[in-house]
C-alpha atoms as a PDB file:
ATOM      1  CA  MET A   1      17.260-236.051 -72.798  1.00  0.00           C
ATOM      2  CA  ILE A   2      15.079-238.622 -74.535  1.00  0.00           C
ATOM      3  CA  ALA A   3      11.298-238.378 -74.488  1.00  0.00           C
ATOM      4  CA  ALA A   4       9.307-241.611 -74.656  1.00  0.00           C
ATOM      5  CA  THR A   5       7.176-241.388 -77.776  1.00  0.00           C
ATOM      6  CA  PHE A   6       7.274-244.837 -79.356  1.00  0.00           C
ATOM      7  CA  ALA A   7       5.665-248.207 -78.691  1.00  0.00           C
ATOM      8  CA  SER A   8       7.187-250.896 -76.513  1.00  0.00           C
ATOM      9  CA  CYS A   9       9.307-253.684 -77.936  1.00  0.00           C
ATOM     10  CA  SER A  10      10.850-256.885 -76.646  1.00  0.00           C
ATOM     11  CA  VAL A  11      14.032-256.285 -74.671  1.00  0.00           C
ATOM     12  CA  GLU A  12      16.691-258.672 -73.478  1.00  0.00           C
ATOM     13  CA  ILE A  13      18.311-257.572 -70.227  1.00  0.00           C
ATOM     14  CA  VAL A  14      21.899-258.760 -70.041  1.00  0.00           C
ATOM     15  CA  ARG A  15      23.261-259.704 -66.613  1.00  0.00           C
ATOM     16  CA  VAL A  16      26.870-258.748 -66.021  1.00  0.00           C
ATOM     17  CA  ASP A  17      29.558-259.964 -63.644  1.00  0.00           C
ATOM     18  CA  ALA A  18      28.738-259.234 -60.005  1.00  0.00           C
ATOM     19  CA  ASP A  19      32.061-257.411 -59.567  1.00  0.00           C
ATOM     20  CA  VAL A  20      31.186-254.865 -62.265  1.00  0.00           C
ATOM     21  CA  PHE A  21      29.659-251.655 -60.889  1.00  0.00           C
ATOM     22  CA  ILE A  22      26.286-250.955 -62.504  1.00  0.00           C
ATOM     23  CA  PRO A  23      25.252-247.290 -62.233  1.00  0.00           C
ATOM     24  CA  PRO A  24      22.024-246.767 -60.302  1.00  0.00           C
ATOM     25  CA  LEU A  25      18.759-245.849 -61.969  1.00  0.00           C
ATOM     26  CA  PHE A  26      17.167-242.861 -60.233  1.00  0.00           C
ATOM     27  CA  LEU A  27      13.439-242.229 -60.561  1.00  0.00           C
ATOM     28  CA  VAL A  28      12.424-238.619 -60.024  1.00  0.00           C
ATOM     29  CA  GLY A  29       9.080-236.877 -60.224  1.00  0.00           C
ATOM     30  CA  MET A  30       6.227-235.527 -58.171  1.00  0.00           C
ATOM     31  CA  MET A  31       4.360-237.414 -55.461  1.00  0.00           C
ATOM     32  CA  GLY A  32       1.859-239.631 -57.232  1.00  0.00           C
ATOM     33  CA  ALA A  33       3.909-239.883 -60.424  1.00  0.00           C
ATOM     34  CA  GLY A  34       4.358-243.643 -59.949  1.00  0.00           C
ATOM     35  CA  LYS A  35       7.989-243.799 -58.860  1.00  0.00           C
ATOM     36  CA  THR A  36       7.441-246.634 -56.389  1.00  0.00           C
ATOM     37  CA  THR A  37       5.165-248.863 -58.476  1.00  0.00           C
ATOM     38  CA  ILE A  38       7.025-248.316 -61.750  1.00  0.00           C
ATOM     39  CA  GLY A  39      10.368-248.586 -59.978  1.00  0.00           C
ATOM     40  CA  ARG A  40       9.420-251.979 -58.547  1.00  0.00           C
ATOM     41  CA  GLY A  41       8.341-253.138 -61.994  1.00  0.00           C
ATOM     42  CA  LEU A  42      11.578-251.995 -63.613  1.00  0.00           C
ATOM     43  CA  ALA A  43      13.697-253.569 -60.881  1.00  0.00           C
ATOM     44  CA  ARG A  44      11.859-256.865 -61.259  1.00  0.00           C
ATOM     45  CA  ALA A  45      12.253-256.833 -65.040  1.00  0.00           C
ATOM     46  CA  MET A  46      15.975-256.070 -64.816  1.00  0.00           C
ATOM     47  CA  GLY A  47      16.764-258.332 -61.882  1.00  0.00           C
ATOM     48  CA  ARG A  48      17.836-255.362 -59.761  1.00  0.00           C
ATOM     49  CA  GLU A  49      17.292-254.274 -56.159  1.00  0.00           C
ATOM     50  CA  PHE A  50      14.548-251.693 -55.632  1.00  0.00           C
ATOM     51  CA  VAL A  51      14.833-249.058 -52.911  1.00  0.00           C
ATOM     52  CA  ASP A  52      12.380-246.304 -51.984  1.00  0.00           C
ATOM     53  CA  ILE A  53      14.084-243.452 -50.109  1.00  0.00           C
ATOM     54  CA  ASP A  54      10.953-242.554 -48.143  1.00  0.00           C
ATOM     55  CA  GLN A  55      10.517-246.155 -46.995  1.00  0.00           C
ATOM     56  CA  VAL A  56      14.164-246.361 -45.900  1.00  0.00           C
ATOM     57  CA  ILE A  57      13.755-243.200 -43.824  1.00  0.00           C
ATOM     58  CA  GLU A  58      10.545-244.479 -42.213  1.00  0.00           C
ATOM     59  CA  THR A  59      12.132-247.835 -41.385  1.00  0.00           C
ATOM     60  CA  ARG A  60      15.181-246.250 -39.803  1.00  0.00           C
ATOM     61  CA  CYS A  61      13.197-243.685 -37.818  1.00  0.00           C
ATOM     62  CA  GLY A  62      10.427-246.081 -36.829  1.00  0.00           C
ATOM     63  CA  VAL A  63       7.725-243.534 -37.662  1.00  0.00           C
ATOM     64  CA  ARG A  64       5.857-242.296 -40.727  1.00  0.00           C
ATOM     65  CA  ILE A  65       7.024-239.286 -42.702  1.00  0.00           C
ATOM     66  CA  PRO A  66       4.308-236.920 -41.378  1.00  0.00           C
ATOM     67  CA  THR A  67       5.607-237.579 -37.856  1.00  0.00           C
ATOM     68  CA  ILE A  68       9.163-236.763 -38.958  1.00  0.00           C
ATOM     69  CA  PHE A  69       7.877-233.483 -40.393  1.00  0.00           C
ATOM     70  CA  GLU A  70       6.106-232.716 -37.111  1.00  0.00           C
ATOM     71  CA  LEU A  71       9.146-233.493 -34.942  1.00  0.00           C
ATOM     72  CA  GLU A  72      12.001-232.235 -37.125  1.00  0.00           C
ATOM     73  CA  GLY A  73      10.344-229.982 -39.683  1.00  0.00           C
ATOM     74  CA  GLU A  74      10.875-230.260 -43.417  1.00  0.00           C
ATOM     75  CA  ALA A  75      14.547-229.305 -43.017  1.00  0.00           C
ATOM     76  CA  GLY A  76      15.165-232.304 -40.764  1.00  0.00           C
ATOM     77  CA  PHE A  77      13.456-234.638 -43.190  1.00  0.00           C
ATOM     78  CA  ARG A  78      15.423-233.224 -46.140  1.00  0.00           C
ATOM     79  CA  ALA A  79      18.701-233.810 -44.300  1.00  0.00           C
ATOM     80  CA  ARG A  80      17.796-237.474 -43.808  1.00  0.00           C
ATOM     81  CA  GLU A  81      16.692-237.705 -47.435  1.00  0.00           C
ATOM     82  CA  ALA A  82      20.012-236.312 -48.679  1.00  0.00           C
ATOM     83  CA  HIS A  83      21.962-238.789 -46.550  1.00  0.00           C
ATOM     84  CA  VAL A  84      20.008-241.802 -47.822  1.00  0.00           C
ATOM     85  CA  LEU A  85      20.374-240.597 -51.413  1.00  0.00           C
ATOM     86  CA  ASP A  86      24.135-240.278 -51.001  1.00  0.00           C
ATOM     87  CA  GLU A  87      24.338-243.723 -49.399  1.00  0.00           C
ATOM     88  CA  TYR A  88      22.303-245.634 -51.965  1.00  0.00           C
ATOM     89  CA  SER A  89      23.731-243.796 -54.976  1.00  0.00           C
ATOM     90  CA  ARG A  90      26.927-245.726 -54.204  1.00  0.00           C
ATOM     91  CA  LYS A  91      25.229-249.125 -54.571  1.00  0.00           C
ATOM     92  CA  SER A  92      25.646-251.085 -57.774  1.00  0.00           C
ATOM     93  CA  GLY A  93      22.567-251.760 -59.868  1.00  0.00           C
ATOM     94  CA  VAL A  94      20.002-250.262 -57.506  1.00  0.00           C
ATOM     95  CA  VAL A  95      16.726-248.823 -58.801  1.00  0.00           C
ATOM     96  CA  LEU A  96      16.067-245.881 -56.494  1.00  0.00           C
ATOM     97  CA  ALA A  97      12.750-244.065 -56.100  1.00  0.00           C
ATOM     98  CA  THR A  98      13.437-240.580 -54.767  1.00  0.00           C
ATOM     99  CA  GLY A  99      11.169-238.171 -52.927  1.00  0.00           C
ATOM    100  CA  GLY A 100       9.398-235.515 -54.939  1.00  0.00           C
ATOM    101  CA  GLY A 101      11.341-232.665 -53.348  1.00  0.00           C
ATOM    102  CA  VAL A 102      14.804-234.216 -53.541  1.00  0.00           C
ATOM    103  CA  VAL A 103      15.729-232.029 -56.524  1.00  0.00           C
ATOM    104  CA  MET A 104      15.291-228.788 -54.590  1.00  0.00           C
ATOM    105  CA  ALA A 105      18.778-229.179 -53.074  1.00  0.00           C
ATOM    106  CA  GLU A 106      21.622-228.554 -55.513  1.00  0.00           C
ATOM    107  CA  PRO A 107      23.936-231.197 -53.944  1.00  0.00           C
ATOM    108  CA  ASN A 108      21.206-233.793 -54.488  1.00  0.00           C
ATOM    109  CA  ARG A 109      20.824-232.785 -58.130  1.00  0.00           C
ATOM    110  CA  ARG A 110      24.557-233.153 -58.594  1.00  0.00           C
ATOM    111  CA  ILE A 111      24.500-236.661 -57.117  1.00  0.00           C
ATOM    112  CA  LEU A 112      21.611-237.675 -59.356  1.00  0.00           C
ATOM    113  CA  ALA A 113      23.163-236.214 -62.493  1.00  0.00           C
ATOM    114  CA  GLU A 114      26.659-237.588 -61.935  1.00  0.00           C
ATOM    115  CA  ARG A 115      26.207-240.996 -60.336  1.00  0.00           C
ATOM    116  CA  GLY A 116      23.546-242.716 -62.411  1.00  0.00           C
ATOM    117  CA  ARG A 117      20.817-242.477 -65.008  1.00  0.00           C
ATOM    118  CA  VAL A 118      17.836-240.294 -64.211  1.00  0.00           C
ATOM    119  CA  LEU A 119      14.301-241.158 -65.298  1.00  0.00           C
ATOM    120  CA  TYR A 120      11.730-238.392 -64.855  1.00  0.00           C
ATOM    121  CA  LEU A 121       8.191-239.737 -64.546  1.00  0.00           C
ATOM    122  CA  ARG A 122       6.016-236.844 -65.646  1.00  0.00           C
ATOM    123  CA  ALA A 123       2.324-236.280 -64.930  1.00  0.00           C
ATOM    124  CA  ARG A 124      -0.066-233.339 -64.995  1.00  0.00           C
ATOM    125  CA  ALA A 125      -1.135-231.654 -61.769  1.00  0.00           C
ATOM    126  CA  GLU A 126      -4.701-232.938 -62.116  1.00  0.00           C
ATOM    127  CA  GLU A 127      -3.479-236.526 -62.526  1.00  0.00           C
ATOM    128  CA  LEU A 128      -1.213-236.196 -59.499  1.00  0.00           C
ATOM    129  CA  TYR A 129      -4.087-234.841 -57.438  1.00  0.00           C
ATOM    130  CA  GLN A 130      -6.377-237.741 -58.378  1.00  0.00           C
ATOM    131  CA  ARG A 131      -3.691-240.238 -57.355  1.00  0.00           C
ATOM    132  CA  THR A 132      -2.825-238.629 -54.018  1.00  0.00           C
ATOM    133  CA  ARG A 133      -6.015-237.014 -52.713  1.00  0.00           C
ATOM    134  CA  TYR A 134      -6.781-239.857 -50.259  1.00  0.00           C
ATOM    135  CA  ASP A 135      -3.156-240.420 -49.185  1.00  0.00           C
ATOM    136  CA  ARG A 136      -2.660-239.204 -45.598  1.00  0.00           C
ATOM    137  CA  ASN A 137       1.108-239.803 -45.726  1.00  0.00           C
ATOM    138  CA  ARG A 138       1.752-236.579 -47.699  1.00  0.00           C
ATOM    139  CA  PRO A 139       2.446-233.788 -45.179  1.00  0.00           C
ATOM    140  CA  LEU A 140       2.871-231.112 -47.856  1.00  0.00           C
ATOM    141  CA  LEU A 141      -0.680-231.781 -49.067  1.00  0.00           C
ATOM    142  CA  ARG A 142      -2.317-231.206 -45.684  1.00  0.00           C
ATOM    143  CA  THR A 143      -3.840-227.982 -46.904  1.00  0.00           C
ATOM    144  CA  ALA A 144      -7.260-226.606 -47.786  1.00  0.00           C
ATOM    145  CA  ASP A 145      -6.505-226.796 -51.516  1.00  0.00           C
ATOM    146  CA  PRO A 146      -4.258-229.790 -52.323  1.00  0.00           C
ATOM    147  CA  LEU A 147      -4.563-229.293 -56.094  1.00  0.00           C
ATOM    148  CA  ALA A 148      -3.293-225.722 -55.816  1.00  0.00           C
ATOM    149  CA  LYS A 149      -0.395-226.956 -53.669  1.00  0.00           C
ATOM    150  CA  ILE A 150       0.484-229.681 -56.173  1.00  0.00           C
ATOM    151  CA  THR A 151       0.411-227.115 -58.979  1.00  0.00           C
ATOM    152  CA  GLU A 152       2.668-224.790 -56.982  1.00  0.00           C
ATOM    153  CA  LEU A 153       5.157-227.574 -56.248  1.00  0.00           C
ATOM    154  CA  LEU A 154       5.120-228.771 -59.854  1.00  0.00           C
ATOM    155  CA  VAL A 155       5.888-225.280 -61.172  1.00  0.00           C
ATOM    156  CA  ALA A 156       8.891-225.047 -58.845  1.00  0.00           C
ATOM    157  CA  ARG A 157      10.201-228.570 -59.351  1.00  0.00           C
ATOM    158  CA  GLU A 158       9.568-229.470 -62.978  1.00  0.00           C
ATOM    159  CA  PRO A 159      12.431-227.363 -64.419  1.00  0.00           C
ATOM    160  CA  LEU A 160      14.784-229.126 -62.001  1.00  0.00           C
ATOM    161  CA  TYR A 161      13.490-232.590 -62.925  1.00  0.00           C
ATOM    162  CA  GLU A 162      14.021-231.736 -66.585  1.00  0.00           C
ATOM    163  CA  GLU A 163      17.466-230.269 -65.888  1.00  0.00           C
ATOM    164  CA  ILE A 164      18.872-233.568 -64.622  1.00  0.00           C
ATOM    165  CA  ALA A 165      16.722-236.064 -66.564  1.00  0.00           C
ATOM    166  CA  ASP A 166      18.275-238.426 -69.081  1.00  0.00           C
ATOM    167  CA  LEU A 167      14.849-239.848 -69.937  1.00  0.00           C
ATOM    168  CA  VAL A 168      11.371-238.350 -69.615  1.00  0.00           C
ATOM    169  CA  VAL A 169       8.273-240.548 -69.677  1.00  0.00           C
ATOM    170  CA  ASP A 170       4.682-239.345 -69.387  1.00  0.00           C
ATOM    171  CA  THR A 171       2.841-241.750 -67.096  1.00  0.00           C
ATOM    172  CA  GLY A 172      -0.695-240.642 -67.994  1.00  0.00           C
ATOM    173  CA  ARG A 173      -3.268-243.429 -67.803  1.00  0.00           C
ATOM    174  CA  MET A 174      -1.012-246.209 -69.059  1.00  0.00           C
ATOM    175  CA  SER A 175      -0.748-249.323 -66.878  1.00  0.00           C
ATOM    176  CA  VAL A 176       2.421-250.027 -64.916  1.00  0.00           C
ATOM    177  CA  THR A 177       3.147-253.091 -67.059  1.00  0.00           C
ATOM    178  CA  ARG A 178       2.901-251.122 -70.294  1.00  0.00           C
ATOM    179  CA  LEU A 179       5.017-248.314 -68.891  1.00  0.00           C
ATOM    180  CA  VAL A 180       7.739-250.744 -67.828  1.00  0.00           C
ATOM    181  CA  HIS A 181       7.803-252.287 -71.305  1.00  0.00           C
ATOM    182  CA  ARG A 182       7.959-248.822 -72.804  1.00  0.00           C
ATOM    183  CA  ILE A 183      10.803-247.659 -70.574  1.00  0.00           C
ATOM    184  CA  LEU A 184      13.130-250.675 -70.853  1.00  0.00           C
ATOM    185  CA  PRO A 185      14.332-250.048 -74.428  1.00  0.00           C
ATOM    186  CA  LEU A 186      14.898-246.388 -73.589  1.00  0.00           C
ATOM    187  CA  LEU A 187      17.159-247.364 -70.714  1.00  0.00           C
ATOM    188  CA  LEU A 188      19.224-249.606 -72.952  1.00  0.00           C
ATOM    189  CA  SER A 189      19.725-246.761 -75.420  1.00  0.00           C
ATOM    190  CA  CYS A 190      20.742-244.278 -72.715  1.00  0.00           C
ATOM    191  CA  ASP A 191      24.500-243.962 -72.291  1.00  0.00           C
ATOM    192  CA  LYS A 192      26.237-241.299 -70.220  1.00  0.00           C
ATOM    193  CA  PRO A 193      29.521-240.904 -68.317  1.00  0.00           C
ATOM    194  CA  ILE A 194      29.156-241.859 -64.655  1.00  0.00           C
ATOM    195  CA  THR A 195      31.408-240.839 -61.758  1.00  0.00           C
ATOM    196  CA  PRO A 196      33.165-244.078 -60.639  1.00  0.00           C
ATOM    197  CA  VAL A 197      32.083-245.033 -57.133  1.00  0.00           C
ATOM    198  CA  SER A 198      35.754-245.467 -56.168  1.00  0.00           C
ATOM    199  CA  ASP A 199      36.302-241.743 -56.847  1.00  0.00           C
ATOM    200  CA  LEU A 200      33.587-240.592 -54.442  1.00  0.00           C
ATOM    201  CA  PRO A 201      34.515-239.112 -51.039  1.00  0.00           C
ATOM    202  CA  PRO A 202      33.685-241.244 -47.974  1.00  0.00           C
ATOM    203  CA  LEU A 203      30.118-241.175 -46.716  1.00  0.00           C
ATOM    204  CA  GLU A 204      29.600-239.098 -43.569  1.00  0.00           C
ATOM    205  CA  CYS A 205      27.293-240.366 -40.837  1.00  0.00           C
ATOM    206  CA  LEU A 206      24.079-238.426 -40.190  1.00  0.00           C
END
């Protein structure tokens, strides 16, 4: 695991042949950590496709995530989340923003650890609260004390984020542009064995 502690530098992203499988880049972290905004910035800088798992689920279901929670419960949502993760982890070159709770399921952690590079975007509970307190699309935060809930979730999830992370970056108060420039050289220095997509079992329909 590499922690981001040095300044940004100029990076040249090399495009490879379209037939070459490029392992996905998985962004993990709590709600409000910046996975979607930073993921879009990284995808743009690298010329890759960006996918947000939550947005895929909402598009396919035709409703927002809180409605899915109301109709199917958290277990139903997590099943959909696992299916989308499995599906998109097979795509070449994708930058994939995952849901905050995706790491709670061991099969999901195995997919993340084996099929691509994992970037953990870390933030303190207070920072996460400030970023999410007006967001009504967070069903787990519909509670009398959202900060306490965020702290509880962070305590449970952070060891799992760290367990699978290849890179850890503190988002803090840095702008998205600066964070992207800081992360790019770390990605180029990160090398790990990846399970070839041809060796994966066929995808089952949900």
